[in-house]
Amino acid sequence: DVKGQLVGHFESNQGLEVTIDASIYASGVYYAKVTSATGSETIRLIKR
């Protein structure tokens, strides 16, 4: 969340995709840290 608190952890299935249930989160901005063997990226998520 925007306070830097970890609110979810998900593992990919066979390396292609991850589905995150957004309905469990309140509306607002979140940040997804995506990590693979080649590095990591941070992606901004917006929950309506």
ModelCIF file with pLDDT and N, C-alpha, C, O atoms, coordinates in Angstrom:
data_MODEL
#
_entry.id   MODEL 
#
_entity.id                         1 
_entity.type                       polymer 
_entity.pdbx_number_of_molecules   1 
#
_entity_poly.entity_id                      1 
_entity_poly.type                           'polypeptide(L)' 
_entity_poly.nstd_linkage                   no 
_entity_poly.nstd_monomer                   no 
_entity_poly.pdbx_seq_one_letter_code       DVKGQLVGHFESNQGLEVTIDASIYASGVYYAKVTSATGSETIRLIKR 
_entity_poly.pdbx_seq_one_letter_code_can   DVKGQLVGHFESNQGLEVTIDASIYASGVYYAKVTSATGSETIRLIKR 
_entity_poly.pdbx_strand_id                 A 
#
loop_
_entity_poly_seq.entity_id 
_entity_poly_seq.num 
_entity_poly_seq.mon_id 
_entity_poly_seq.hetero 
1 1  ASP n 
1 2  VAL n 
1 3  LYS n 
1 4  GLY n 
1 5  GLN n 
1 6  LEU n 
1 7  VAL n 
1 8  GLY n 
1 9  HIS n 
1 10 PHE n 
1 11 GLU n 
1 12 SER n 
1 13 ASN n 
1 14 GLN n 
1 15 GLY n 
1 16 LEU n 
1 17 GLU n 
1 18 VAL n 
1 19 THR n 
1 20 ILE n 
1 21 ASP n 
1 22 ALA n 
1 23 SER n 
1 24 ILE n 
1 25 TYR n 
1 26 ALA n 
1 27 SER n 
1 28 GLY n 
1 29 VAL n 
1 30 TYR n 
1 31 TYR n 
1 32 ALA n 
1 33 LYS n 
1 34 VAL n 
1 35 THR n 
1 36 SER n 
1 37 ALA n 
1 38 THR n 
1 39 GLY n 
1 40 SER n 
1 41 GLU n 
1 42 THR n 
1 43 ILE n 
1 44 ARG n 
1 45 LEU n 
1 46 ILE n 
1 47 LYS n 
1 48 ARG n 
#
_struct_asym.id          A 
_struct_asym.entity_id   1 
#
loop_
_ma_qa_metric.id 
_ma_qa_metric.mode 
_ma_qa_metric.name 
_ma_qa_metric.software_group_id 
_ma_qa_metric.type 
1 global pLDDT . pLDDT 
2 local  pLDDT . pLDDT 
#
_ma_qa_metric_global.metric_id      1 
_ma_qa_metric_global.metric_value   80.85 
_ma_qa_metric_global.model_id       1 
_ma_qa_metric_global.ordinal_id     1 
#
loop_
_ma_qa_metric_local.label_asym_id 
_ma_qa_metric_local.label_comp_id 
_ma_qa_metric_local.label_seq_id 
_ma_qa_metric_local.metric_id 
_ma_qa_metric_local.metric_value 
_ma_qa_metric_local.model_id 
_ma_qa_metric_local.ordinal_id 
A ASP 1  2 79.00 1 1  
A VAL 2  2 65.00 1 2  
A LYS 3  2 65.00 1 3  
A GLY 4  2 68.00 1 4  
A GLN 5  2 78.00 1 5  
A LEU 6  2 85.00 1 6  
A VAL 7  2 92.00 1 7  
A GLY 8  2 92.00 1 8  
A HIS 9  2 92.00 1 9  
A PHE 10 2 90.00 1 10 
A GLU 11 2 86.00 1 11 
A SER 12 2 81.00 1 12 
A ASN 13 2 66.00 1 13 
A GLN 14 2 63.00 1 14 
A GLY 15 2 62.00 1 15 
A LEU 16 2 77.00 1 16 
A GLU 17 2 85.00 1 17 
A VAL 18 2 89.00 1 18 
A THR 19 2 91.00 1 19 
A ILE 20 2 93.00 1 20 
A ASP 21 2 93.00 1 21 
A ALA 22 2 93.00 1 22 
A SER 23 2 93.00 1 23 
A ILE 24 2 93.00 1 24 
A TYR 25 2 93.00 1 25 
A ALA 26 2 92.00 1 26 
A SER 27 2 89.00 1 27 
A GLY 28 2 85.00 1 28 
A VAL 29 2 79.00 1 29 
A TYR 30 2 84.00 1 30 
A TYR 31 2 79.00 1 31 
A ALA 32 2 83.00 1 32 
A LYS 33 2 81.00 1 33 
A VAL 34 2 81.00 1 34 
A THR 35 2 80.00 1 35 
A SER 36 2 77.00 1 36 
A ALA 37 2 72.00 1 37 
A THR 38 2 66.00 1 38 
A GLY 39 2 65.00 1 39 
A SER 40 2 65.00 1 40 
A GLU 41 2 70.00 1 41 
A THR 42 2 70.00 1 42 
A ILE 43 2 78.00 1 43 
A ARG 44 2 75.00 1 44 
A LEU 45 2 85.00 1 45 
A ILE 46 2 86.00 1 46 
A LYS 47 2 88.00 1 47 
A ARG 48 2 87.00 1 48 
#
loop_
_atom_site.group_PDB 
_atom_site.id 
_atom_site.type_symbol 
_atom_site.label_atom_id 
_atom_site.label_alt_id 
_atom_site.label_comp_id 
_atom_site.label_asym_id 
_atom_site.label_entity_id 
_atom_site.label_seq_id 
_atom_site.pdbx_PDB_ins_code 
_atom_site.Cartn_x 
_atom_site.Cartn_y 
_atom_site.Cartn_z 
_atom_site.occupancy 
_atom_site.B_iso_or_equiv 
_atom_site.pdbx_formal_charge 
_atom_site.auth_seq_id 
_atom_site.auth_comp_id 
_atom_site.auth_asym_id 
_atom_site.auth_atom_id 
_atom_site.pdbx_PDB_model_num 
ATOM 1   N N  . ASP A 1 1  ? 0.845   -1.188  0.000   1.00 79.00 ? 1  ASP A N  1 
ATOM 2   C CA . ASP A 1 1  ? 0.000   0.000   0.000   1.00 79.00 ? 1  ASP A CA 1 
ATOM 3   C C  . ASP A 1 1  ? 0.883   1.242   0.000   1.00 79.00 ? 1  ASP A C  1 
ATOM 4   O O  . ASP A 1 1  ? 2.110   1.135   -0.001  1.00 79.00 ? 1  ASP A O  1 
ATOM 5   N N  . VAL A 1 2  ? 0.260   2.422   0.001   1.00 65.00 ? 2  VAL A N  1 
ATOM 6   C CA . VAL A 1 2  ? 1.030   3.663   -0.120  1.00 65.00 ? 2  VAL A CA 1 
ATOM 7   C C  . VAL A 1 2  ? 1.878   3.951   1.105   1.00 65.00 ? 2  VAL A C  1 
ATOM 8   O O  . VAL A 1 2  ? 2.763   4.805   1.056   1.00 65.00 ? 2  VAL A O  1 
ATOM 9   N N  . LYS A 1 3  ? 1.620   3.243   2.219   1.00 65.00 ? 3  LYS A N  1 
ATOM 10  C CA . LYS A 1 3  ? 2.437   3.399   3.408   1.00 65.00 ? 3  LYS A CA 1 
ATOM 11  C C  . LYS A 1 3  ? 3.620   2.437   3.425   1.00 65.00 ? 3  LYS A C  1 
ATOM 12  O O  . LYS A 1 3  ? 4.412   2.428   4.368   1.00 65.00 ? 3  LYS A O  1 
ATOM 13  N N  . GLY A 1 4  ? 3.732   1.625   2.367   1.00 68.00 ? 4  GLY A N  1 
ATOM 14  C CA . GLY A 1 4  ? 4.834   0.687   2.285   1.00 68.00 ? 4  GLY A CA 1 
ATOM 15  C C  . GLY A 1 4  ? 4.587   -0.629  2.991   1.00 68.00 ? 4  GLY A C  1 
ATOM 16  O O  . GLY A 1 4  ? 5.510   -1.425  3.160   1.00 68.00 ? 4  GLY A O  1 
ATOM 17  N N  . GLN A 1 5  ? 3.330   -0.872  3.413   1.00 78.00 ? 5  GLN A N  1 
ATOM 18  C CA . GLN A 1 5  ? 2.994   -2.121  4.083   1.00 78.00 ? 5  GLN A CA 1 
ATOM 19  C C  . GLN A 1 5  ? 2.716   -3.211  3.059   1.00 78.00 ? 5  GLN A C  1 
ATOM 20  O O  . GLN A 1 5  ? 1.979   -2.989  2.098   1.00 78.00 ? 5  GLN A O  1 
ATOM 21  N N  . LEU A 1 6  ? 3.307   -4.394  3.259   1.00 85.00 ? 6  LEU A N  1 
ATOM 22  C CA . LEU A 1 6  ? 3.051   -5.533  2.383   1.00 85.00 ? 6  LEU A CA 1 
ATOM 23  C C  . LEU A 1 6  ? 1.631   -6.034  2.618   1.00 85.00 ? 6  LEU A C  1 
ATOM 24  O O  . LEU A 1 6  ? 1.281   -6.403  3.739   1.00 85.00 ? 6  LEU A O  1 
ATOM 25  N N  . VAL A 1 7  ? 0.812   -6.051  1.567   1.00 92.00 ? 7  VAL A N  1 
ATOM 26  C CA . VAL A 1 7  ? -0.593  -6.449  1.717   1.00 92.00 ? 7  VAL A CA 1 
ATOM 27  C C  . VAL A 1 7  ? -0.954  -7.655  0.851   1.00 92.00 ? 7  VAL A C  1 
ATOM 28  O O  . VAL A 1 7  ? -2.111  -8.076  0.824   1.00 92.00 ? 7  VAL A O  1 
ATOM 29  N N  . GLY A 1 8  ? 0.037   -8.215  0.141   1.00 92.00 ? 8  GLY A N  1 
ATOM 30  C CA . GLY A 1 8  ? -0.240  -9.396  -0.663  1.00 92.00 ? 8  GLY A CA 1 
ATOM 31  C C  . GLY A 1 8  ? 1.009   -9.969  -1.286  1.00 92.00 ? 8  GLY A C  1 
ATOM 32  O O  . GLY A 1 8  ? 1.922   -9.233  -1.663  1.00 92.00 ? 8  GLY A O  1 
ATOM 33  N N  . HIS A 1 9  ? 1.050   -11.310 -1.397  1.00 92.00 ? 9  HIS A N  1 
ATOM 34  C CA . HIS A 1 9  ? 2.184   -11.985 -2.037  1.00 92.00 ? 9  HIS A CA 1 
ATOM 35  C C  . HIS A 1 9  ? 1.633   -13.083 -2.943  1.00 92.00 ? 9  HIS A C  1 
ATOM 36  O O  . HIS A 1 9  ? 0.802   -13.885 -2.517  1.00 92.00 ? 9  HIS A O  1 
ATOM 37  N N  . PHE A 1 10 ? 2.101   -13.118 -4.203  1.00 90.00 ? 10 PHE A N  1 
ATOM 38  C CA . PHE A 1 10 ? 1.548   -14.042 -5.183  1.00 90.00 ? 10 PHE A CA 1 
ATOM 39  C C  . PHE A 1 10 ? 2.683   -14.665 -5.997  1.00 90.00 ? 10 PHE A C  1 
ATOM 40  O O  . PHE A 1 10 ? 3.670   -13.996 -6.302  1.00 90.00 ? 10 PHE A O  1 
ATOM 41  N N  . GLU A 1 11 ? 2.544   -15.947 -6.349  1.00 86.00 ? 11 GLU A N  1 
ATOM 42  C CA . GLU A 1 11 ? 3.516   -16.658 -7.172  1.00 86.00 ? 11 GLU A CA 1 
ATOM 43  C C  . GLU A 1 11 ? 2.905   -16.951 -8.534  1.00 86.00 ? 11 GLU A C  1 
ATOM 44  O O  . GLU A 1 11 ? 1.722   -17.276 -8.635  1.00 86.00 ? 11 GLU A O  1 
ATOM 45  N N  . SER A 1 12 ? 3.725   -16.833 -9.593  1.00 81.00 ? 12 SER A N  1 
ATOM 46  C CA . SER A 1 12 ? 3.230   -17.121 -10.935 1.00 81.00 ? 12 SER A CA 1 
ATOM 47  C C  . SER A 1 12 ? 3.053   -18.620 -11.136 1.00 81.00 ? 12 SER A C  1 
ATOM 48  O O  . SER A 1 12 ? 3.682   -19.434 -10.460 1.00 81.00 ? 12 SER A O  1 
ATOM 49  N N  . ASN A 1 13 ? 2.195   -18.960 -12.066 1.00 66.00 ? 13 ASN A N  1 
ATOM 50  C CA . ASN A 1 13 ? 1.925   -20.354 -12.401 1.00 66.00 ? 13 ASN A CA 1 
ATOM 51  C C  . ASN A 1 13 ? 2.656   -20.692 -13.694 1.00 66.00 ? 13 ASN A C  1 
ATOM 52  O O  . ASN A 1 13 ? 2.270   -20.232 -14.768 1.00 66.00 ? 13 ASN A O  1 
ATOM 53  N N  . GLN A 1 14 ? 3.710   -21.494 -13.592 1.00 63.00 ? 14 GLN A N  1 
ATOM 54  C CA . GLN A 1 14 ? 4.500   -21.892 -14.760 1.00 63.00 ? 14 GLN A CA 1 
ATOM 55  C C  . GLN A 1 14 ? 5.091   -20.695 -15.505 1.00 63.00 ? 14 GLN A C  1 
ATOM 56  O O  . GLN A 1 14 ? 5.356   -20.768 -16.705 1.00 63.00 ? 14 GLN A O  1 
ATOM 57  N N  . GLY A 1 15 ? 5.291   -19.609 -14.789 1.00 62.00 ? 15 GLY A N  1 
ATOM 58  C CA . GLY A 1 15 ? 6.077   -18.528 -15.337 1.00 62.00 ? 15 GLY A CA 1 
ATOM 59  C C  . GLY A 1 15 ? 5.395   -17.522 -16.224 1.00 62.00 ? 15 GLY A C  1 
ATOM 60  O O  . GLY A 1 15 ? 6.069   -16.643 -16.761 1.00 62.00 ? 15 GLY A O  1 
ATOM 61  N N  . LEU A 1 16 ? 4.072   -17.603 -16.412 1.00 77.00 ? 16 LEU A N  1 
ATOM 62  C CA . LEU A 1 16 ? 3.453   -16.718 -17.382 1.00 77.00 ? 16 LEU A CA 1 
ATOM 63  C C  . LEU A 1 16 ? 2.592   -15.626 -16.781 1.00 77.00 ? 16 LEU A C  1 
ATOM 64  O O  . LEU A 1 16 ? 2.624   -14.496 -17.269 1.00 77.00 ? 16 LEU A O  1 
ATOM 65  N N  . GLU A 1 17 ? 1.826   -15.914 -15.743 1.00 85.00 ? 17 GLU A N  1 
ATOM 66  C CA . GLU A 1 17 ? 0.915   -14.884 -15.249 1.00 85.00 ? 17 GLU A CA 1 
ATOM 67  C C  . GLU A 1 17 ? 0.544   -15.094 -13.790 1.00 85.00 ? 17 GLU A C  1 
ATOM 68  O O  . GLU A 1 17 ? 0.668   -16.183 -13.231 1.00 85.00 ? 17 GLU A O  1 
ATOM 69  N N  . VAL A 1 18 ? 0.086   -14.005 -13.208 1.00 89.00 ? 18 VAL A N  1 
ATOM 70  C CA . VAL A 1 18 ? -0.428  -13.989 -11.838 1.00 89.00 ? 18 VAL A CA 1 
ATOM 71  C C  . VAL A 1 18 ? -1.729  -13.215 -11.846 1.00 89.00 ? 18 VAL A C  1 
ATOM 72  O O  . VAL A 1 18 ? -1.806  -12.134 -12.430 1.00 89.00 ? 18 VAL A O  1 
ATOM 73  N N  . THR A 1 19 ? -2.755  -13.756 -11.203 1.00 91.00 ? 19 THR A N  1 
ATOM 74  C CA . THR A 1 19 ? -4.022  -13.042 -11.044 1.00 91.00 ? 19 THR A CA 1 
ATOM 75  C C  . THR A 1 19 ? -4.124  -12.554 -9.608  1.00 91.00 ? 19 THR A C  1 
ATOM 76  O O  . THR A 1 19 ? -4.039  -13.341 -8.665  1.00 91.00 ? 19 THR A O  1 
ATOM 77  N N  . ILE A 1 20 ? -4.308  -11.245 -9.452  1.00 93.00 ? 20 ILE A N  1 
ATOM 78  C CA . ILE A 1 20 ? -4.440  -10.631 -8.131  1.00 93.00 ? 20 ILE A CA 1 
ATOM 79  C C  . ILE A 1 20 ? -5.896  -10.239 -7.924  1.00 93.00 ? 20 ILE A C  1 
ATOM 80  O O  . ILE A 1 20 ? -6.473  -9.525  -8.744  1.00 93.00 ? 20 ILE A O  1 
ATOM 81  N N  . ASP A 1 21 ? -6.480  -10.700 -6.845  1.00 93.00 ? 21 ASP A N  1 
ATOM 82  C CA . ASP A 1 21 ? -7.865  -10.361 -6.526  1.00 93.00 ? 21 ASP A CA 1 
ATOM 83  C C  . ASP A 1 21 ? -7.921  -8.928  -6.001  1.00 93.00 ? 21 ASP A C  1 
ATOM 84  O O  . ASP A 1 21 ? -7.607  -8.681  -4.837  1.00 93.00 ? 21 ASP A O  1 
ATOM 85  N N  . ALA A 1 22 ? -8.313  -7.997  -6.844  1.00 93.00 ? 22 ALA A N  1 
ATOM 86  C CA . ALA A 1 22 ? -8.353  -6.587  -6.455  1.00 93.00 ? 22 ALA A CA 1 
ATOM 87  C C  . ALA A 1 22 ? -9.542  -6.271  -5.558  1.00 93.00 ? 22 ALA A C  1 
ATOM 88  O O  . ALA A 1 22 ? -9.552  -5.245  -4.879  1.00 93.00 ? 22 ALA A O  1 
ATOM 89  N N  . SER A 1 23 ? -10.536 -7.139  -5.552  1.00 93.00 ? 23 SER A N  1 
ATOM 90  C CA . SER A 1 23 ? -11.764 -6.855  -4.790  1.00 93.00 ? 23 SER A CA 1 
ATOM 91  C C  . SER A 1 23 ? -11.524 -6.829  -3.287  1.00 93.00 ? 23 SER A C  1 
ATOM 92  O O  . SER A 1 23 ? -12.330 -6.277  -2.537  1.00 93.00 ? 23 SER A O  1 
ATOM 93  N N  . ILE A 1 24 ? -10.415 -7.427  -2.842  1.00 93.00 ? 24 ILE A N  1 
ATOM 94  C CA . ILE A 1 24 ? -10.155 -7.471  -1.395  1.00 93.00 ? 24 ILE A CA 1 
ATOM 95  C C  . ILE A 1 24 ? -9.504  -6.183  -0.895  1.00 93.00 ? 24 ILE A C  1 
ATOM 96  O O  . ILE A 1 24 ? -9.338  -5.998  0.311   1.00 93.00 ? 24 ILE A O  1 
ATOM 97  N N  . TYR A 1 25 ? -9.134  -5.290  -1.818  1.00 93.00 ? 25 TYR A N  1 
ATOM 98  C CA . TYR A 1 25 ? -8.452  -4.061  -1.436  1.00 93.00 ? 25 TYR A CA 1 
ATOM 99  C C  . TYR A 1 25 ? -9.397  -2.867  -1.516  1.00 93.00 ? 25 TYR A C  1 
ATOM 100 O O  . TYR A 1 25 ? -10.304 -2.821  -2.347  1.00 93.00 ? 25 TYR A O  1 
ATOM 101 N N  . ALA A 1 26 ? -9.157  -1.903  -0.630  1.00 92.00 ? 26 ALA A N  1 
ATOM 102 C CA . ALA A 1 26 ? -9.917  -0.656  -0.680  1.00 92.00 ? 26 ALA A CA 1 
ATOM 103 C C  . ALA A 1 26 ? -9.481  0.153   -1.905  1.00 92.00 ? 26 ALA A C  1 
ATOM 104 O O  . ALA A 1 26 ? -8.384  -0.043  -2.427  1.00 92.00 ? 26 ALA A O  1 
ATOM 105 N N  . SER A 1 27 ? -10.328 1.042   -2.347  1.00 89.00 ? 27 SER A N  1 
ATOM 106 C CA . SER A 1 27 ? -9.990  1.885   -3.491  1.00 89.00 ? 27 SER A CA 1 
ATOM 107 C C  . SER A 1 27 ? -8.757  2.730   -3.178  1.00 89.00 ? 27 SER A C  1 
ATOM 108 O O  . SER A 1 27 ? -8.587  3.209   -2.057  1.00 89.00 ? 27 SER A O  1 
ATOM 109 N N  . GLY A 1 28 ? -7.907  2.903   -4.177  1.00 85.00 ? 28 GLY A N  1 
ATOM 110 C CA . GLY A 1 28 ? -6.716  3.702   -3.976  1.00 85.00 ? 28 GLY A CA 1 
ATOM 111 C C  . GLY A 1 28 ? -5.560  3.210   -4.830  1.00 85.00 ? 28 GLY A C  1 
ATOM 112 O O  . GLY A 1 28 ? -5.752  2.483   -5.804  1.00 85.00 ? 28 GLY A O  1 
ATOM 113 N N  . VAL A 1 29 ? -4.355  3.619   -4.447  1.00 79.00 ? 29 VAL A N  1 
ATOM 114 C CA . VAL A 1 29 ? -3.150  3.291   -5.198  1.00 79.00 ? 29 VAL A CA 1 
ATOM 115 C C  . VAL A 1 29 ? -2.343  2.244   -4.441  1.00 79.00 ? 29 VAL A C  1 
ATOM 116 O O  . VAL A 1 29 ? -2.189  2.330   -3.223  1.00 79.00 ? 29 VAL A O  1 
ATOM 117 N N  . TYR A 1 30 ? -1.831  1.261   -5.165  1.00 84.00 ? 30 TYR A N  1 
ATOM 118 C CA . TYR A 1 30 ? -0.971  0.224   -4.608  1.00 84.00 ? 30 TYR A CA 1 
ATOM 119 C C  . TYR A 1 30 ? 0.249   0.071   -5.532  1.00 84.00 ? 30 TYR A C  1 
ATOM 120 O O  . TYR A 1 30 ? 0.261   0.566   -6.659  1.00 84.00 ? 30 TYR A O  1 
ATOM 121 N N  . TYR A 1 31 ? 1.260   -0.619  -5.025  1.00 79.00 ? 31 TYR A N  1 
ATOM 122 C CA . TYR A 1 31 ? 2.461   -0.843  -5.823  1.00 79.00 ? 31 TYR A CA 1 
ATOM 123 C C  . TYR A 1 31 ? 2.790   -2.327  -5.835  1.00 79.00 ? 31 TYR A C  1 
ATOM 124 O O  . TYR A 1 31 ? 2.895   -2.962  -4.786  1.00 79.00 ? 31 TYR A O  1 
ATOM 125 N N  . ALA A 1 32 ? 2.953   -2.870  -7.037  1.00 83.00 ? 32 ALA A N  1 
ATOM 126 C CA . ALA A 1 32 ? 3.293   -4.278  -7.207  1.00 83.00 ? 32 ALA A CA 1 
ATOM 127 C C  . ALA A 1 32 ? 4.773   -4.386  -7.531  1.00 83.00 ? 32 ALA A C  1 
ATOM 128 O O  . ALA A 1 32 ? 5.226   -3.875  -8.555  1.00 83.00 ? 32 ALA A O  1 
ATOM 129 N N  . LYS A 1 33 ? 5.530   -5.050  -6.662  1.00 81.00 ? 33 LYS A N  1 
ATOM 130 C CA . LYS A 1 33 ? 6.935   -5.335  -6.932  1.00 81.00 ? 33 LYS A CA 1 
ATOM 131 C C  . LYS A 1 33 ? 6.999   -6.717  -7.582  1.00 81.00 ? 33 LYS A C  1 
ATOM 132 O O  . LYS A 1 33 ? 6.707   -7.726  -6.941  1.00 81.00 ? 33 LYS A O  1 
ATOM 133 N N  . VAL A 1 34 ? 7.380   -6.752  -8.851  1.00 81.00 ? 34 VAL A N  1 
ATOM 134 C CA . VAL A 1 34 ? 7.410   -7.987  -9.624  1.00 81.00 ? 34 VAL A CA 1 
ATOM 135 C C  . VAL A 1 34 ? 8.864   -8.419  -9.758  1.00 81.00 ? 34 VAL A C  1 
ATOM 136 O O  . VAL A 1 34 ? 9.696   -7.673  -10.273 1.00 81.00 ? 34 VAL A O  1 
ATOM 137 N N  . THR A 1 35 ? 9.168   -9.635  -9.290  1.00 80.00 ? 35 THR A N  1 
ATOM 138 C CA . THR A 1 35 ? 10.548  -10.102 -9.243  1.00 80.00 ? 35 THR A CA 1 
ATOM 139 C C  . THR A 1 35 ? 10.691  -11.418 -9.989  1.00 80.00 ? 35 THR A C  1 
ATOM 140 O O  . THR A 1 35 ? 9.922   -12.355 -9.776  1.00 80.00 ? 35 THR A O  1 
ATOM 141 N N  . SER A 1 36 ? 11.695  -11.475 -10.876 1.00 77.00 ? 36 SER A N  1 
ATOM 142 C CA . SER A 1 36 ? 12.053  -12.711 -11.570 1.00 77.00 ? 36 SER A CA 1 
ATOM 143 C C  . SER A 1 36 ? 13.553  -12.913 -11.450 1.00 77.00 ? 36 SER A C  1 
ATOM 144 O O  . SER A 1 36 ? 14.232  -12.143 -10.771 1.00 77.00 ? 36 SER A O  1 
ATOM 145 N N  . ALA A 1 37 ? 14.072  -13.935 -12.099 1.00 72.00 ? 37 ALA A N  1 
ATOM 146 C CA . ALA A 1 37 ? 15.499  -14.209 -12.037 1.00 72.00 ? 37 ALA A CA 1 
ATOM 147 C C  . ALA A 1 37 ? 16.328  -13.107 -12.688 1.00 72.00 ? 37 ALA A C  1 
ATOM 148 O O  . ALA A 1 37 ? 17.524  -12.997 -12.415 1.00 72.00 ? 37 ALA A O  1 
ATOM 149 N N  . THR A 1 38 ? 15.720  -12.299 -13.534 1.00 66.00 ? 38 THR A N  1 
ATOM 150 C CA . THR A 1 38 ? 16.455  -11.244 -14.243 1.00 66.00 ? 38 THR A CA 1 
ATOM 151 C C  . THR A 1 38 ? 16.387  -9.894  -13.555 1.00 66.00 ? 38 THR A C  1 
ATOM 152 O O  . THR A 1 38 ? 17.037  -8.950  -14.004 1.00 66.00 ? 38 THR A O  1 
ATOM 153 N N  . GLY A 1 39 ? 15.624  -9.772  -12.481 1.00 65.00 ? 39 GLY A N  1 
ATOM 154 C CA . GLY A 1 39 ? 15.524  -8.496  -11.790 1.00 65.00 ? 39 GLY A CA 1 
ATOM 155 C C  . GLY A 1 39 ? 14.106  -8.232  -11.316 1.00 65.00 ? 39 GLY A C  1 
ATOM 156 O O  . GLY A 1 39 ? 13.276  -9.140  -11.281 1.00 65.00 ? 39 GLY A O  1 
ATOM 157 N N  . SER A 1 40 ? 13.832  -6.989  -10.952 1.00 65.00 ? 40 SER A N  1 
ATOM 158 C CA . SER A 1 40 ? 12.506  -6.631  -10.454 1.00 65.00 ? 40 SER A CA 1 
ATOM 159 C C  . SER A 1 40 ? 12.068  -5.293  -11.014 1.00 65.00 ? 40 SER A C  1 
ATOM 160 O O  . SER A 1 40 ? 12.888  -4.458  -11.396 1.00 65.00 ? 40 SER A O  1 
ATOM 161 N N  . GLU A 1 41 ? 10.764  -5.110  -11.055 1.00 70.00 ? 41 GLU A N  1 
ATOM 162 C CA . GLU A 1 41 ? 10.161  -3.845  -11.452 1.00 70.00 ? 41 GLU A CA 1 
ATOM 163 C C  . GLU A 1 41 ? 9.046   -3.531  -10.468 1.00 70.00 ? 41 GLU A C  1 
ATOM 164 O O  . GLU A 1 41 ? 8.462   -4.431  -9.865  1.00 70.00 ? 41 GLU A O  1 
ATOM 165 N N  . THR A 1 42 ? 8.760   -2.240  -10.312 1.00 70.00 ? 42 THR A N  1 
ATOM 166 C CA . THR A 1 42 ? 7.642   -1.813  -9.487  1.00 70.00 ? 42 THR A CA 1 
ATOM 167 C C  . THR A 1 42 ? 6.597   -1.175  -10.380 1.00 70.00 ? 42 THR A C  1 
ATOM 168 O O  . THR A 1 42 ? 6.895   -0.255  -11.141 1.00 70.00 ? 42 THR A O  1 
ATOM 169 N N  . ILE A 1 43 ? 5.361   -1.671  -10.282 1.00 78.00 ? 43 ILE A N  1 
ATOM 170 C CA . ILE A 1 43 ? 4.280   -1.215  -11.142 1.00 78.00 ? 43 ILE A CA 1 
ATOM 171 C C  . ILE A 1 43 ? 3.181   -0.620  -10.269 1.00 78.00 ? 43 ILE A C  1 
ATOM 172 O O  . ILE A 1 43 ? 2.793   -1.206  -9.258  1.00 78.00 ? 43 ILE A O  1 
ATOM 173 N N  . ARG A 1 44 ? 2.693   0.527   -10.659 1.00 75.00 ? 44 ARG A N  1 
ATOM 174 C CA . ARG A 1 44 ? 1.624   1.205   -9.913  1.00 75.00 ? 44 ARG A CA 1 
ATOM 175 C C  . ARG A 1 44 ? 0.280   0.578   -10.266 1.00 75.00 ? 44 ARG A C  1 
ATOM 176 O O  . ARG A 1 44 ? -0.062  0.463   -11.443 1.00 75.00 ? 44 ARG A O  1 
ATOM 177 N N  . LEU A 1 45 ? -0.479  0.175   -9.257  1.00 85.00 ? 45 LEU A N  1 
ATOM 178 C CA . LEU A 1 45 ? -1.811  -0.393  -9.439  1.00 85.00 ? 45 LEU A CA 1 
ATOM 179 C C  . LEU A 1 45 ? -2.853  0.589   -8.931  1.00 85.00 ? 45 LEU A C  1 
ATOM 180 O O  . LEU A 1 45 ? -2.659  1.223   -7.894  1.00 85.00 ? 45 LEU A O  1 
ATOM 181 N N  . ILE A 1 46 ? -3.941  0.718   -9.644  1.00 86.00 ? 46 ILE A N  1 
ATOM 182 C CA . ILE A 1 46 ? -5.025  1.607   -9.220  1.00 86.00 ? 46 ILE A CA 1 
ATOM 183 C C  . ILE A 1 46 ? -6.281  0.774   -9.013  1.00 86.00 ? 46 ILE A C  1 
ATOM 184 O O  . ILE A 1 46 ? -6.774  0.142   -9.948  1.00 86.00 ? 46 ILE A O  1 
ATOM 185 N N  . LYS A 1 47 ? -6.805  0.773   -7.774  1.00 88.00 ? 47 LYS A N  1 
ATOM 186 C CA . LYS A 1 47 ? -8.051  0.066   -7.456  1.00 88.00 ? 47 LYS A CA 1 
ATOM 187 C C  . LYS A 1 47 ? -9.187  1.072   -7.463  1.00 88.00 ? 47 LYS A C  1 
ATOM 188 O O  . LYS A 1 47 ? -9.191  2.035   -6.696  1.00 88.00 ? 47 LYS A O  1 
ATOM 189 N N  . ARG A 1 48 ? -10.150 0.831   -8.343  1.00 87.00 ? 48 ARG A N  1 
ATOM 190 C CA . ARG A 1 48 ? -11.302 1.723   -8.426  1.00 87.00 ? 48 ARG A CA 1 
ATOM 191 C C  . ARG A 1 48 ? -12.254 1.488   -7.271  1.00 87.00 ? 48 ARG A C  1 
ATOM 192 O O  . ARG A 1 48 ? -13.286 2.152   -7.176  1.00 87.00 ? 48 ARG A O  1 
#
